[in-house]
Amino acid sequence: LTPAQNFYCGHEIAFPAWLPRGLRLLKSRAMDREAAAVLERLKVR
């Protein structure tokens, strides 16, 4: 898995919230953006 996928494994950002977790759609781009922001904040290259 990529860094972002490792970050959110088990904590996936998905929608719609009213569906069971296994039926939700993953917000892959949102997870990529948030993971990149964390790495940038911590100066991880």
PDB file of all heavy atoms in Angstrom:
ATOM      1  N   LEU A   1       0.829  -1.207   0.000  1.00  0.00           N
ATOM      2  CA  LEU A   1       0.000   0.000   0.000  1.00  0.00           C
ATOM      3  C   LEU A   1       0.860   1.252   0.000  1.00  0.00           C
ATOM      4  O   LEU A   1       2.017   1.236   0.432  1.00  0.00           O
ATOM      5  CB  LEU A   1      -0.929   0.011   1.214  1.00  0.00           C
ATOM      6  CG  LEU A   1      -1.918  -1.161   1.344  1.00  0.00           C
ATOM      7  CD1 LEU A   1      -2.805  -0.961   2.554  1.00  0.00           C
ATOM      8  CD2 LEU A   1      -2.750  -1.316   0.082  1.00  0.00           C
ATOM      9  N   THR A   2       0.295   2.363  -0.445  1.00  0.00           N
ATOM     10  CA  THR A   2       0.981   3.648  -0.447  1.00  0.00           C
ATOM     11  C   THR A   2       0.979   4.229   0.968  1.00  0.00           C
ATOM     12  O   THR A   2       0.272   3.738   1.856  1.00  0.00           O
ATOM     13  CB  THR A   2       0.273   4.630  -1.388  1.00  0.00           C
ATOM     14  OG1 THR A   2      -1.021   4.939  -0.831  1.00  0.00           O
ATOM     15  CG2 THR A   2       0.121   4.057  -2.786  1.00  0.00           C
ATOM     16  N   PRO A   3       1.757   5.301   1.211  1.00  0.00           N
ATOM     17  CA  PRO A   3       1.713   5.932   2.535  1.00  0.00           C
ATOM     18  C   PRO A   3       0.311   6.340   2.962  1.00  0.00           C
ATOM     19  O   PRO A   3      -0.097   6.082   4.093  1.00  0.00           O
ATOM     20  CB  PRO A   3       2.626   7.150   2.352  1.00  0.00           C
ATOM     21  CG  PRO A   3       3.608   6.722   1.318  1.00  0.00           C
ATOM     22  CD  PRO A   3       2.823   5.873   0.369  1.00  0.00           C
ATOM     23  N   ALA A   4      -0.460   6.965   2.057  1.00  0.00           N
ATOM     24  CA  ALA A   4      -1.809   7.399   2.417  1.00  0.00           C
ATOM     25  C   ALA A   4      -2.699   6.213   2.744  1.00  0.00           C
ATOM     26  O   ALA A   4      -3.487   6.251   3.703  1.00  0.00           O
ATOM     27  CB  ALA A   4      -2.415   8.219   1.284  1.00  0.00           C
ATOM     28  N   GLN A   5      -2.583   5.146   1.974  1.00  0.00           N
ATOM     29  CA  GLN A   5      -3.390   3.954   2.247  1.00  0.00           C
ATOM     30  C   GLN A   5      -3.013   3.325   3.577  1.00  0.00           C
ATOM     31  O   GLN A   5      -3.881   2.809   4.299  1.00  0.00           O
ATOM     32  CB  GLN A   5      -3.228   2.954   1.102  1.00  0.00           C
ATOM     33  CG  GLN A   5      -3.872   3.411  -0.197  1.00  0.00           C
ATOM     34  CD  GLN A   5      -3.452   2.575  -1.392  1.00  0.00           C
ATOM     35  OE1 GLN A   5      -2.410   1.901  -1.368  1.00  0.00           O
ATOM     36  NE2 GLN A   5      -4.242   2.610  -2.452  1.00  0.00           N
ATOM     37  N   ASN A   6      -1.730   3.359   3.928  1.00  0.00           N
ATOM     38  CA  ASN A   6      -1.310   2.875   5.237  1.00  0.00           C
ATOM     39  C   ASN A   6      -1.836   3.777   6.347  1.00  0.00           C
ATOM     40  O   ASN A   6      -2.249   3.295   7.406  1.00  0.00           O
ATOM     41  CB  ASN A   6       0.221   2.810   5.312  1.00  0.00           C
ATOM     42  CG  ASN A   6       0.760   1.452   4.908  1.00  0.00           C
ATOM     43  OD1 ASN A   6       0.702   0.499   5.670  1.00  0.00           O
ATOM     44  ND2 ASN A   6       1.274   1.371   3.683  1.00  0.00           N
ATOM     45  N   PHE A   7      -1.817   5.092   6.117  1.00  0.00           N
ATOM     46  CA  PHE A   7      -2.310   6.030   7.121  1.00  0.00           C
ATOM     47  C   PHE A   7      -3.750   5.693   7.520  1.00  0.00           C
ATOM     48  O   PHE A   7      -4.094   5.687   8.695  1.00  0.00           O
ATOM     49  CB  PHE A   7      -2.281   7.456   6.564  1.00  0.00           C
ATOM     50  CG  PHE A   7      -0.989   8.187   6.788  1.00  0.00           C
ATOM     51  CD1 PHE A   7       0.227   7.535   6.793  1.00  0.00           C
ATOM     52  CD2 PHE A   7      -0.983   9.553   6.984  1.00  0.00           C
ATOM     53  CE1 PHE A   7       1.409   8.203   6.981  1.00  0.00           C
ATOM     54  CE2 PHE A   7       0.191  10.243   7.178  1.00  0.00           C
ATOM     55  CZ  PHE A   7       1.392   9.578   7.170  1.00  0.00           C
ATOM     56  N   TYR A   8      -4.587   5.453   6.536  1.00  0.00           N
ATOM     57  CA  TYR A   8      -6.023   5.376   6.779  1.00  0.00           C
ATOM     58  C   TYR A   8      -6.573   3.955   6.754  1.00  0.00           C
ATOM     59  O   TYR A   8      -7.784   3.783   6.763  1.00  0.00           O
ATOM     60  CB  TYR A   8      -6.765   6.251   5.758  1.00  0.00           C
ATOM     61  CG  TYR A   8      -6.548   7.717   6.030  1.00  0.00           C
ATOM     62  CD1 TYR A   8      -5.591   8.444   5.329  1.00  0.00           C
ATOM     63  CD2 TYR A   8      -7.266   8.366   7.025  1.00  0.00           C
ATOM     64  CE1 TYR A   8      -5.373   9.783   5.601  1.00  0.00           C
ATOM     65  CE2 TYR A   8      -7.057   9.703   7.305  1.00  0.00           C
ATOM     66  CZ  TYR A   8      -6.107  10.400   6.587  1.00  0.00           C
ATOM     67  OH  TYR A   8      -5.887  11.723   6.868  1.00  0.00           O
ATOM     68  N   CYS A   9      -5.703   2.962   6.761  1.00  0.00           N
ATOM     69  CA  CYS A   9      -6.177   1.578   6.803  1.00  0.00           C
ATOM     70  C   CYS A   9      -6.912   1.340   8.124  1.00  0.00           C
ATOM     71  O   CYS A   9      -6.335   1.463   9.212  1.00  0.00           O
ATOM     72  CB  CYS A   9      -5.005   0.609   6.655  1.00  0.00           C
ATOM     73  SG  CYS A   9      -5.518  -1.099   6.424  1.00  0.00           S
ATOM     74  N   GLY A  10      -8.190   1.035   8.039  1.00  0.00           N
ATOM     75  CA  GLY A  10      -9.018   0.894   9.238  1.00  0.00           C
ATOM     76  C   GLY A  10      -9.673   2.184   9.675  1.00  0.00           C
ATOM     77  O   GLY A  10     -10.549   2.175  10.542  1.00  0.00           O
ATOM     78  N   HIS A  11      -9.240   3.307   9.107  1.00  0.00           N
ATOM     79  CA  HIS A  11      -9.819   4.627   9.419  1.00  0.00           C
ATOM     80  C   HIS A  11     -10.228   5.329   8.118  1.00  0.00           C
ATOM     81  O   HIS A  11     -10.171   6.548   8.023  1.00  0.00           O
ATOM     82  CB  HIS A  11      -8.805   5.510  10.150  1.00  0.00           C
ATOM     83  CG  HIS A  11      -8.291   4.926  11.435  1.00  0.00           C
ATOM     84  ND1 HIS A  11      -8.942   5.072  12.634  1.00  0.00           N
ATOM     85  CD2 HIS A  11      -7.192   4.174  11.700  1.00  0.00           C
ATOM     86  CE1 HIS A  11      -8.262   4.449  13.588  1.00  0.00           C
ATOM     87  NE2 HIS A  11      -7.194   3.894  13.046  1.00  0.00           N
ATOM     88  N   GLU A  12     -10.639   4.585   7.128  1.00  0.00           N
ATOM     89  CA  GLU A  12     -10.868   5.149   5.800  1.00  0.00           C
ATOM     90  C   GLU A  12     -11.903   6.279   5.814  1.00  0.00           C
ATOM     91  O   GLU A  12     -12.902   6.211   6.553  1.00  0.00           O
ATOM     92  CB  GLU A  12     -11.347   4.052   4.833  1.00  0.00           C
ATOM     93  CG  GLU A  12     -10.297   3.014   4.502  1.00  0.00           C
ATOM     94  CD  GLU A  12     -10.181   1.908   5.510  1.00  0.00           C
ATOM     95  OE1 GLU A  12     -10.922   1.959   6.531  1.00  0.00           O
ATOM     96  OE2 GLU A  12      -9.347   0.999   5.325  1.00  0.00           O
ATOM     97  N   ILE A  13     -11.621   7.295   5.018  1.00  0.00           N
ATOM     98  CA  ILE A  13     -12.595   8.360   4.799  1.00  0.00           C
ATOM     99  C   ILE A  13     -13.512   7.903   3.678  1.00  0.00           C
ATOM    100  O   ILE A  13     -13.061   7.650   2.556  1.00  0.00           O
ATOM    101  CB  ILE A  13     -11.895   9.681   4.418  1.00  0.00           C
ATOM    102  CG1 ILE A  13     -10.913  10.096   5.516  1.00  0.00           C
ATOM    103  CG2 ILE A  13     -12.917  10.788   4.182  1.00  0.00           C
ATOM    104  CD1 ILE A  13     -10.076  11.304   5.155  1.00  0.00           C
ATOM    105  N   ALA A  14     -14.795   7.752   3.977  1.00  0.00           N
ATOM    106  CA  ALA A  14     -15.726   7.186   3.006  1.00  0.00           C
ATOM    107  C   ALA A  14     -17.100   7.838   3.150  1.00  0.00           C
ATOM    108  O   ALA A  14     -17.400   8.487   4.152  1.00  0.00           O
ATOM    109  CB  ALA A  14     -15.826   5.674   3.199  1.00  0.00           C
ATOM    110  N   PHE A  15     -17.915   7.674   2.118  1.00  0.00           N
ATOM    111  CA  PHE A  15     -19.264   8.246   2.114  1.00  0.00           C
ATOM    112  C   PHE A  15     -20.206   7.291   1.375  1.00  0.00           C
ATOM    113  O   PHE A  15     -19.739   6.406   0.635  1.00  0.00           O
ATOM    114  CB  PHE A  15     -19.234   9.632   1.445  1.00  0.00           C
ATOM    115  CG  PHE A  15     -19.042   9.573  -0.055  1.00  0.00           C
ATOM    116  CD1 PHE A  15     -20.118   9.693  -0.924  1.00  0.00           C
ATOM    117  CD2 PHE A  15     -17.770   9.382  -0.605  1.00  0.00           C
ATOM    118  CE1 PHE A  15     -19.939   9.631  -2.298  1.00  0.00           C
ATOM    119  CE2 PHE A  15     -17.584   9.323  -1.974  1.00  0.00           C
ATOM    120  CZ  PHE A  15     -18.670   9.440  -2.829  1.00  0.00           C
ATOM    121  N   PRO A  16     -21.519   7.434   1.541  1.00  0.00           N
ATOM    122  CA  PRO A  16     -22.209   8.313   2.497  1.00  0.00           C
ATOM    123  C   PRO A  16     -22.194   7.701   3.894  1.00  0.00           C
ATOM    124  O   PRO A  16     -22.130   6.479   4.051  1.00  0.00           O
ATOM    125  CB  PRO A  16     -23.636   8.375   1.940  1.00  0.00           C
ATOM    126  CG  PRO A  16     -23.817   7.075   1.226  1.00  0.00           C
ATOM    127  CD  PRO A  16     -22.464   6.726   0.643  1.00  0.00           C
ATOM    128  N   ALA A  17     -22.248   8.554   4.910  1.00  0.00           N
ATOM    129  CA  ALA A  17     -22.077   8.106   6.291  1.00  0.00           C
ATOM    130  C   ALA A  17     -23.204   7.181   6.757  1.00  0.00           C
ATOM    131  O   ALA A  17     -23.008   6.388   7.685  1.00  0.00           O
ATOM    132  CB  ALA A  17     -21.980   9.318   7.212  1.00  0.00           C
ATOM    133  N   TRP A  18     -24.366   7.257   6.118  1.00  0.00           N
ATOM    134  CA  TRP A  18     -25.500   6.466   6.600  1.00  0.00           C
ATOM    135  C   TRP A  18     -25.432   5.002   6.164  1.00  0.00           C
ATOM    136  O   TRP A  18     -26.164   4.163   6.684  1.00  0.00           O
ATOM    137  CB  TRP A  18     -26.826   7.087   6.147  1.00  0.00           C
ATOM    138  CG  TRP A  18     -26.922   7.373   4.674  1.00  0.00           C
ATOM    139  CD1 TRP A  18     -26.596   8.531   4.037  1.00  0.00           C
ATOM    140  CD2 TRP A  18     -27.365   6.480   3.650  1.00  0.00           C
ATOM    141  NE1 TRP A  18     -26.808   8.437   2.695  1.00  0.00           N
ATOM    142  CE2 TRP A  18     -27.294   7.181   2.421  1.00  0.00           C
ATOM    143  CE3 TRP A  18     -27.822   5.161   3.656  1.00  0.00           C
ATOM    144  CZ2 TRP A  18     -27.642   6.599   1.215  1.00  0.00           C
ATOM    145  CZ3 TRP A  18     -28.191   4.580   2.457  1.00  0.00           C
ATOM    146  CH2 TRP A  18     -28.098   5.293   1.241  1.00  0.00           C
ATOM    147  N   LEU A  19     -24.543   4.696   5.243  1.00  0.00           N
ATOM    148  CA  LEU A  19     -24.396   3.311   4.818  1.00  0.00           C
ATOM    149  C   LEU A  19     -23.451   2.557   5.757  1.00  0.00           C
ATOM    150  O   LEU A  19     -22.572   3.162   6.373  1.00  0.00           O
ATOM    151  CB  LEU A  19     -23.830   3.253   3.396  1.00  0.00           C
ATOM    152  CG  LEU A  19     -24.795   3.480   2.232  1.00  0.00           C
ATOM    153  CD1 LEU A  19     -24.016   3.471   0.915  1.00  0.00           C
ATOM    154  CD2 LEU A  19     -25.894   2.414   2.201  1.00  0.00           C
ATOM    155  N   PRO A  20     -23.578   1.231   5.867  1.00  0.00           N
ATOM    156  CA  PRO A  20     -22.570   0.447   6.603  1.00  0.00           C
ATOM    157  C   PRO A  20     -21.194   0.669   5.982  1.00  0.00           C
ATOM    158  O   PRO A  20     -21.066   0.886   4.773  1.00  0.00           O
ATOM    159  CB  PRO A  20     -23.039  -0.992   6.412  1.00  0.00           C
ATOM    160  CG  PRO A  20     -24.494  -0.892   6.108  1.00  0.00           C
ATOM    161  CD  PRO A  20     -24.677   0.383   5.343  1.00  0.00           C
ATOM    162  N   ARG A  21     -20.128   0.581   6.796  1.00  0.00           N
ATOM    163  CA  ARG A  21     -18.780   0.914   6.321  1.00  0.00           C
ATOM    164  C   ARG A  21     -18.384   0.106   5.085  1.00  0.00           C
ATOM    165  O   ARG A  21     -17.752   0.610   4.169  1.00  0.00           O
ATOM    166  CB  ARG A  21     -17.741   0.686   7.428  1.00  0.00           C
ATOM    167  CG  ARG A  21     -17.780   1.721   8.534  1.00  0.00           C
ATOM    168  CD  ARG A  21     -16.556   1.605   9.433  1.00  0.00           C
ATOM    169  NE  ARG A  21     -15.326   1.853   8.720  1.00  0.00           N
ATOM    170  CZ  ARG A  21     -14.799   3.052   8.521  1.00  0.00           C
ATOM    171  NH1 ARG A  21     -15.424   4.126   8.960  1.00  0.00           N
ATOM    172  NH2 ARG A  21     -13.650   3.180   7.873  1.00  0.00           N
ATOM    173  N   GLY A  22     -18.756  -1.147   5.032  1.00  0.00           N
ATOM    174  CA  GLY A  22     -18.367  -1.980   3.914  1.00  0.00           C
ATOM    175  C   GLY A  22     -19.011  -1.591   2.591  1.00  0.00           C
ATOM    176  O   GLY A  22     -18.560  -2.040   1.527  1.00  0.00           O
ATOM    177  N   LEU A  23     -20.056  -0.761   2.628  1.00  0.00           N
ATOM    178  CA  LEU A  23     -20.759  -0.362   1.413  1.00  0.00           C
ATOM    179  C   LEU A  23     -20.466   1.080   0.994  1.00  0.00           C
ATOM    180  O   LEU A  23     -20.969   1.536  -0.036  1.00  0.00           O
ATOM    181  CB  LEU A  23     -22.276  -0.540   1.610  1.00  0.00           C
ATOM    182  CG  LEU A  23     -22.752  -1.970   1.881  1.00  0.00           C
ATOM    183  CD1 LEU A  23     -24.258  -1.995   2.101  1.00  0.00           C
ATOM    184  CD2 LEU A  23     -22.361  -2.900   0.739  1.00  0.00           C
ATOM    185  N   ARG A  24     -19.671   1.787   1.783  1.00  0.00           N
ATOM    186  CA  ARG A  24     -19.367   3.186   1.457  1.00  0.00           C
ATOM    187  C   ARG A  24     -18.307   3.278   0.368  1.00  0.00           C
ATOM    188  O   ARG A  24     -17.524   2.349   0.160  1.00  0.00           O
ATOM    189  CB  ARG A  24     -18.878   3.929   2.707  1.00  0.00           C
ATOM    190  CG  ARG A  24     -19.895   3.992   3.829  1.00  0.00           C
ATOM    191  CD  ARG A  24     -19.302   4.669   5.052  1.00  0.00           C
ATOM    192  NE  ARG A  24     -20.127   4.435   6.228  1.00  0.00           N
ATOM    193  CZ  ARG A  24     -19.788   4.793   7.459  1.00  0.00           C
ATOM    194  NH1 ARG A  24     -18.620   5.408   7.667  1.00  0.00           N
ATOM    195  NH2 ARG A  24     -20.588   4.549   8.471  1.00  0.00           N
ATOM    196  N   LEU A  25     -18.267   4.426  -0.304  1.00  0.00           N
ATOM    197  CA  LEU A  25     -17.263   4.706  -1.326  1.00  0.00           C
ATOM    198  C   LEU A  25     -16.091   5.452  -0.697  1.00  0.00           C
ATOM    199  O   LEU A  25     -16.294   6.400   0.074  1.00  0.00           O
ATOM    200  CB  LEU A  25     -17.869   5.553  -2.453  1.00  0.00           C
ATOM    201  CG  LEU A  25     -19.012   4.899  -3.237  1.00  0.00           C
ATOM    202  CD1 LEU A  25     -19.579   5.879  -4.253  1.00  0.00           C
ATOM    203  CD2 LEU A  25     -18.535   3.624  -3.923  1.00  0.00           C
ATOM    204  N   LEU A  26     -14.871   5.013  -1.016  1.00  0.00           N
ATOM    205  CA  LEU A  26     -13.681   5.626  -0.442  1.00  0.00           C
ATOM    206  C   LEU A  26     -13.408   6.990  -1.082  1.00  0.00           C
ATOM    207  O   LEU A  26     -13.558   7.153  -2.288  1.00  0.00           O
ATOM    208  CB  LEU A  26     -12.459   4.727  -0.640  1.00  0.00           C
ATOM    209  CG  LEU A  26     -12.477   3.380   0.072  1.00  0.00           C
ATOM    210  CD1 LEU A  26     -11.206   2.606  -0.247  1.00  0.00           C
ATOM    211  CD2 LEU A  26     -12.626   3.553   1.572  1.00  0.00           C
ATOM    212  N   LYS A  27     -12.988   7.935  -0.247  1.00  0.00           N
ATOM    213  CA  LYS A  27     -12.552   9.239  -0.739  1.00  0.00           C
ATOM    214  C   LYS A  27     -11.034   9.216  -0.870  1.00  0.00           C
ATOM    215  O   LYS A  27     -10.305   9.762  -0.034  1.00  0.00           O
ATOM    216  CB  LYS A  27     -13.007  10.344   0.214  1.00  0.00           C
ATOM    217  CG  LYS A  27     -14.517  10.544   0.260  1.00  0.00           C
ATOM    218  CD  LYS A  27     -14.878  11.759   1.112  1.00  0.00           C
ATOM    219  CE  LYS A  27     -16.361  12.049   1.058  1.00  0.00           C
ATOM    220  NZ  LYS A  27     -16.729  13.263   1.860  1.00  0.00           N
ATOM    221  N   SER A  28     -10.553   8.557  -1.908  1.00  0.00           N
ATOM    222  CA  SER A  28      -9.118   8.336  -2.063  1.00  0.00           C
ATOM    223  C   SER A  28      -8.348   9.649  -2.175  1.00  0.00           C
ATOM    224  O   SER A  28      -7.272   9.796  -1.579  1.00  0.00           O
ATOM    225  CB  SER A  28      -8.855   7.458  -3.288  1.00  0.00           C
ATOM    226  OG  SER A  28      -9.454   6.190  -3.110  1.00  0.00           O
ATOM    227  N   ARG A  29      -8.869  10.594  -2.950  1.00  0.00           N
ATOM    228  CA  ARG A  29      -8.160  11.863  -3.113  1.00  0.00           C
ATOM    229  C   ARG A  29      -8.082  12.634  -1.811  1.00  0.00           C
ATOM    230  O   ARG A  29      -7.064  13.258  -1.512  1.00  0.00           O
ATOM    231  CB  ARG A  29      -8.837  12.702  -4.191  1.00  0.00           C
ATOM    232  CG  ARG A  29      -8.708  12.128  -5.602  1.00  0.00           C
ATOM    233  CD  ARG A  29      -9.351  13.025  -6.627  1.00  0.00           C
ATOM    234  NE  ARG A  29      -9.209  12.482  -7.972  1.00  0.00           N
ATOM    235  CZ  ARG A  29      -9.712  13.042  -9.054  1.00  0.00           C
ATOM    236  NH1 ARG A  29     -10.397  14.174  -8.964  1.00  0.00           N
ATOM    237  NH2 ARG A  29      -9.536  12.470 -10.239  1.00  0.00           N
ATOM    238  N   ALA A  30      -9.150  12.598  -1.026  1.00  0.00           N
ATOM    239  CA  ALA A  30      -9.135  13.288   0.264  1.00  0.00           C
ATOM    240  C   ALA A  30      -8.103  12.668   1.189  1.00  0.00           C
ATOM    241  O   ALA A  30      -7.369  13.384   1.890  1.00  0.00           O
ATOM    242  CB  ALA A  30     -10.519  13.234   0.906  1.00  0.00           C
ATOM    243  N   MET A  31      -8.005  11.348   1.197  1.00  0.00           N
ATOM    244  CA  MET A  31      -7.012  10.683   2.040  1.00  0.00           C
ATOM    245  C   MET A  31      -5.598  11.010   1.559  1.00  0.00           C
ATOM    246  O   MET A  31      -4.699  11.233   2.376  1.00  0.00           O
ATOM    247  CB  MET A  31      -7.261   9.174   2.058  1.00  0.00           C
ATOM    248  CG  MET A  31      -8.515   8.791   2.817  1.00  0.00           C
ATOM    249  SD  MET A  31      -8.724   6.989   3.055  1.00  0.00           S
ATOM    250  CE  MET A  31      -9.227   6.500   1.405  1.00  0.00           C
ATOM    251  N   ASP A  32      -5.399  11.049   0.237  1.00  0.00           N
ATOM    252  CA  ASP A  32      -4.079  11.414  -0.304  1.00  0.00           C
ATOM    253  C   ASP A  32      -3.700  12.828   0.122  1.00  0.00           C
ATOM    254  O   ASP A  32      -2.557  13.089   0.529  1.00  0.00           O
ATOM    255  CB  ASP A  32      -4.088  11.320  -1.830  1.00  0.00           C
ATOM    256  CG  ASP A  32      -4.116   9.883  -2.323  1.00  0.00           C
ATOM    257  OD1 ASP A  32      -3.824   8.973  -1.524  1.00  0.00           O
ATOM    258  OD2 ASP A  32      -4.424   9.679  -3.515  1.00  0.00           O
ATOM    259  N   ARG A  33      -4.658  13.760   0.021  1.00  0.00           N
ATOM    260  CA  ARG A  33      -4.370  15.165   0.384  1.00  0.00           C
ATOM    261  C   ARG A  33      -4.040  15.293   1.864  1.00  0.00           C
ATOM    262  O   ARG A  33      -3.095  15.991   2.243  1.00  0.00           O
ATOM    263  CB  ARG A  33      -5.569  16.053   0.040  1.00  0.00           C
ATOM    264  CG  ARG A  33      -5.751  16.350  -1.438  1.00  0.00           C
ATOM    265  CD  ARG A  33      -6.709  17.503  -1.641  1.00  0.00           C
ATOM    266  NE  ARG A  33      -8.021  17.233  -1.057  1.00  0.00           N
ATOM    267  CZ  ARG A  33      -9.029  16.655  -1.703  1.00  0.00           C
ATOM    268  NH1 ARG A  33      -8.868  16.263  -2.951  1.00  0.00           N
ATOM    269  NH2 ARG A  33     -10.191  16.465  -1.101  1.00  0.00           N
ATOM    270  N   GLU A  34      -4.820  14.633   2.708  1.00  0.00           N
ATOM    271  CA  GLU A  34      -4.591  14.767   4.145  1.00  0.00           C
ATOM    272  C   GLU A  34      -3.276  14.108   4.555  1.00  0.00           C
ATOM    273  O   GLU A  34      -2.555  14.644   5.406  1.00  0.00           O
ATOM    274  CB  GLU A  34      -5.771  14.174   4.911  1.00  0.00           C
ATOM    275  CG  GLU A  34      -7.055  14.972   4.723  1.00  0.00           C
ATOM    276  CD  GLU A  34      -8.094  14.648   5.771  1.00  0.00           C
ATOM    277  OE1 GLU A  34      -7.729  14.089   6.828  1.00  0.00           O
ATOM    278  OE2 GLU A  34      -9.265  14.962   5.537  1.00  0.00           O
ATOM    279  N   ALA A  35      -2.956  12.963   3.968  1.00  0.00           N
ATOM    280  CA  ALA A  35      -1.678  12.314   4.273  1.00  0.00           C
ATOM    281  C   ALA A  35      -0.515  13.183   3.827  1.00  0.00           C
ATOM    282  O   ALA A  35       0.481  13.335   4.556  1.00  0.00           O
ATOM    283  CB  ALA A  35      -1.606  10.948   3.599  1.00  0.00           C
ATOM    284  N   ALA A  36      -0.622  13.778   2.642  1.00  0.00           N
ATOM    285  CA  ALA A  36       0.436  14.667   2.149  1.00  0.00           C
ATOM    286  C   ALA A  36       0.596  15.875   3.060  1.00  0.00           C
ATOM    287  O   ALA A  36       1.723  16.325   3.316  1.00  0.00           O
ATOM    288  CB  ALA A  36       0.121  15.112   0.721  1.00  0.00           C
ATOM    289  N   ALA A  37      -0.515  16.395   3.589  1.00  0.00           N
ATOM    290  CA  ALA A  37      -0.445  17.557   4.480  1.00  0.00           C
ATOM    291  C   ALA A  37       0.260  17.204   5.787  1.00  0.00           C
ATOM    292  O   ALA A  37       1.050  17.998   6.313  1.00  0.00           O
ATOM    293  CB  ALA A  37      -1.855  18.083   4.755  1.00  0.00           C
ATOM    294  N   VAL A  38      -0.022  16.008   6.313  1.00  0.00           N
ATOM    295  CA  VAL A  38       0.649  15.572   7.547  1.00  0.00           C
ATOM    296  C   VAL A  38       2.148  15.421   7.317  1.00  0.00           C
ATOM    297  O   VAL A  38       2.976  15.879   8.117  1.00  0.00           O
ATOM    298  CB  VAL A  38       0.045  14.245   8.052  1.00  0.00           C
ATOM    299  CG1 VAL A  38       0.875  13.679   9.195  1.00  0.00           C
ATOM    300  CG2 VAL A  38      -1.394  14.451   8.494  1.00  0.00           C
ATOM    301  N   LEU A  39       2.526  14.778   6.219  1.00  0.00           N
ATOM    302  CA  LEU A  39       3.939  14.580   5.908  1.00  0.00           C
ATOM    303  C   LEU A  39       4.645  15.913   5.704  1.00  0.00           C
ATOM    304  O   LEU A  39       5.790  16.100   6.131  1.00  0.00           O
ATOM    305  CB  LEU A  39       4.081  13.701   4.673  1.00  0.00           C
ATOM    306  CG  LEU A  39       3.613  12.248   4.843  1.00  0.00           C
ATOM    307  CD1 LEU A  39       3.536  11.546   3.501  1.00  0.00           C
ATOM    308  CD2 LEU A  39       4.535  11.491   5.780  1.00  0.00           C
ATOM    309  N   GLU A  40       3.962  16.849   5.075  1.00  0.00           N
ATOM    310  CA  GLU A  40       4.558  18.177   4.862  1.00  0.00           C
ATOM    311  C   GLU A  40       4.734  18.899   6.189  1.00  0.00           C
ATOM    312  O   GLU A  40       5.767  19.521   6.443  1.00  0.00           O
ATOM    313  CB  GLU A  40       3.667  18.995   3.931  1.00  0.00           C
ATOM    314  CG  GLU A  40       4.148  20.425   3.692  1.00  0.00           C
ATOM    315  CD  GLU A  40       5.473  20.473   2.944  1.00  0.00           C
ATOM    316  OE1 GLU A  40       5.780  19.514   2.206  1.00  0.00           O
ATOM    317  OE2 GLU A  40       6.206  21.468   3.120  1.00  0.00           O
ATOM    318  N   ARG A  41       3.723  18.818   7.056  1.00  0.00           N
ATOM    319  CA  ARG A  41       3.799  19.482   8.356  1.00  0.00           C
ATOM    320  C   ARG A  41       4.946  18.945   9.189  1.00  0.00           C
ATOM    321  O   ARG A  41       5.631  19.692   9.894  1.00  0.00           O
ATOM    322  CB  ARG A  41       2.479  19.283   9.107  1.00  0.00           C
ATOM    323  CG  ARG A  41       2.361  20.111  10.394  1.00  0.00           C
ATOM    324  CD  ARG A  41       1.125  19.750  11.162  1.00  0.00           C
ATOM    325  NE  ARG A  41       1.326  18.611  12.023  1.00  0.00           N
ATOM    326  CZ  ARG A  41       0.538  17.544  12.081  1.00  0.00           C
ATOM    327  NH1 ARG A  41      -0.495  17.437  11.287  1.00  0.00           N
ATOM    328  NH2 ARG A  41       0.801  16.564  12.937  1.00  0.00           N
ATOM    329  N   LEU A  42       5.163  17.635   9.101  1.00  0.00           N
ATOM    330  CA  LEU A  42       6.227  16.999   9.875  1.00  0.00           C
ATOM    331  C   LEU A  42       7.566  16.978   9.134  1.00  0.00           C
ATOM    332  O   LEU A  42       8.538  16.421   9.624  1.00  0.00           O
ATOM    333  CB  LEU A  42       5.821  15.565  10.235  1.00  0.00           C
ATOM    334  CG  LEU A  42       4.609  15.437  11.172  1.00  0.00           C
ATOM    335  CD1 LEU A  42       4.224  13.986  11.336  1.00  0.00           C
ATOM    336  CD2 LEU A  42       4.884  16.081  12.516  1.00  0.00           C
ATOM    337  N   LYS A  43       7.582  17.594   7.939  1.00  0.00           N
ATOM    338  CA  LYS A  43       8.807  17.698   7.131  1.00  0.00           C
ATOM    339  C   LYS A  43       9.370  16.324   6.774  1.00  0.00           C
ATOM    340  O   LYS A  43      10.576  16.109   6.791  1.00  0.00           O
ATOM    341  CB  LYS A  43       9.858  18.558   7.844  1.00  0.00           C
ATOM    342  CG  LYS A  43       9.442  20.011   8.052  1.00  0.00           C
ATOM    343  CD  LYS A  43      10.548  20.819   8.719  1.00  0.00           C
ATOM    344  CE  LYS A  43      10.201  22.297   8.755  1.00  0.00           C
ATOM    345  NZ  LYS A  43       8.959  22.593   9.490  1.00  0.00           N
ATOM    346  N   VAL A  44       8.470  15.396   6.462  1.00  0.00           N
ATOM    347  CA  VAL A  44       8.870  14.067   5.992  1.00  0.00           C
ATOM    348  C   VAL A  44       8.912  14.104   4.475  1.00  0.00           C
ATOM    349  O   VAL A  44       7.896  14.351   3.829  1.00  0.00           O
ATOM    350  CB  VAL A  44       7.888  12.987   6.474  1.00  0.00           C
ATOM    351  CG1 VAL A  44       8.278  11.628   5.890  1.00  0.00           C
ATOM    352  CG2 VAL A  44       7.869  12.925   7.995  1.00  0.00           C
ATOM    353  N   ARG A  45      10.077  13.866   3.916  1.00  0.00           N
ATOM    354  CA  ARG A  45      10.252  13.913   2.463  1.00  0.00           C
ATOM    355  C   ARG A  45      10.277  12.497   1.895  1.00  0.00           C
ATOM    356  O   ARG A  45      11.097  11.677   2.296  1.00  0.00           O
ATOM    357  CB  ARG A  45      11.551  14.640   2.103  1.00  0.00           C
ATOM    358  CG  ARG A  45      11.648  16.058   2.664  1.00  0.00           C
ATOM    359  CD  ARG A  45      10.747  17.026   1.894  1.00  0.00           C
ATOM    360  NE  ARG A  45      10.916  18.388   2.389  1.00  0.00           N
ATOM    361  CZ  ARG A  45      10.026  19.017   3.150  1.00  0.00           C
ATOM    362  NH1 ARG A  45       8.911  18.396   3.486  1.00  0.00           N
ATOM    363  NH2 ARG A  45      10.257  20.251   3.560  1.00  0.00           N
TER     364      ARG A  45
END
